[in-house]
């Protein structure tokens, strides 16, 4: 559970467990005091309307995963184009065997738009997972 994840990430297990416990207790009350999740009508509108008392929060249960994210500059070339499995296509649209891509280096699902900070993290993590699964086959 959290102890194993803490060990793999090189962080103190008691600190992770204490943070998780504190978060879960607040989430059960519908509170997100550290980041204010669900504190605005806009946030609540974007949350899960079926979840109460706060549509933006719920206590967390395992299994737990972690991904190390590094800050950096953003840029996109609108290329390369990829398949649903993350396989890179050449300019003629043919798959290049064994070449995969994800993140800000691919043709963005948001086209030439950038909605705001962090908006590309979800697609990057999702396609990173898909690419890992595809490449492992």
Foldseek 3Di string as FASTA:
>chain_A
DQVVQCVVVVHDSVVVVVVLVVQQVQLVVVADVPVGQQVDPVNQVPFCVVDPDGRRGHRDDDDDDDDDDDDDDADAPLDDEADPLQFTADPVRHGDPPDGDAFRHHRDPVHPDDPDPPPRVVRRVVSVVSNVVVNVD
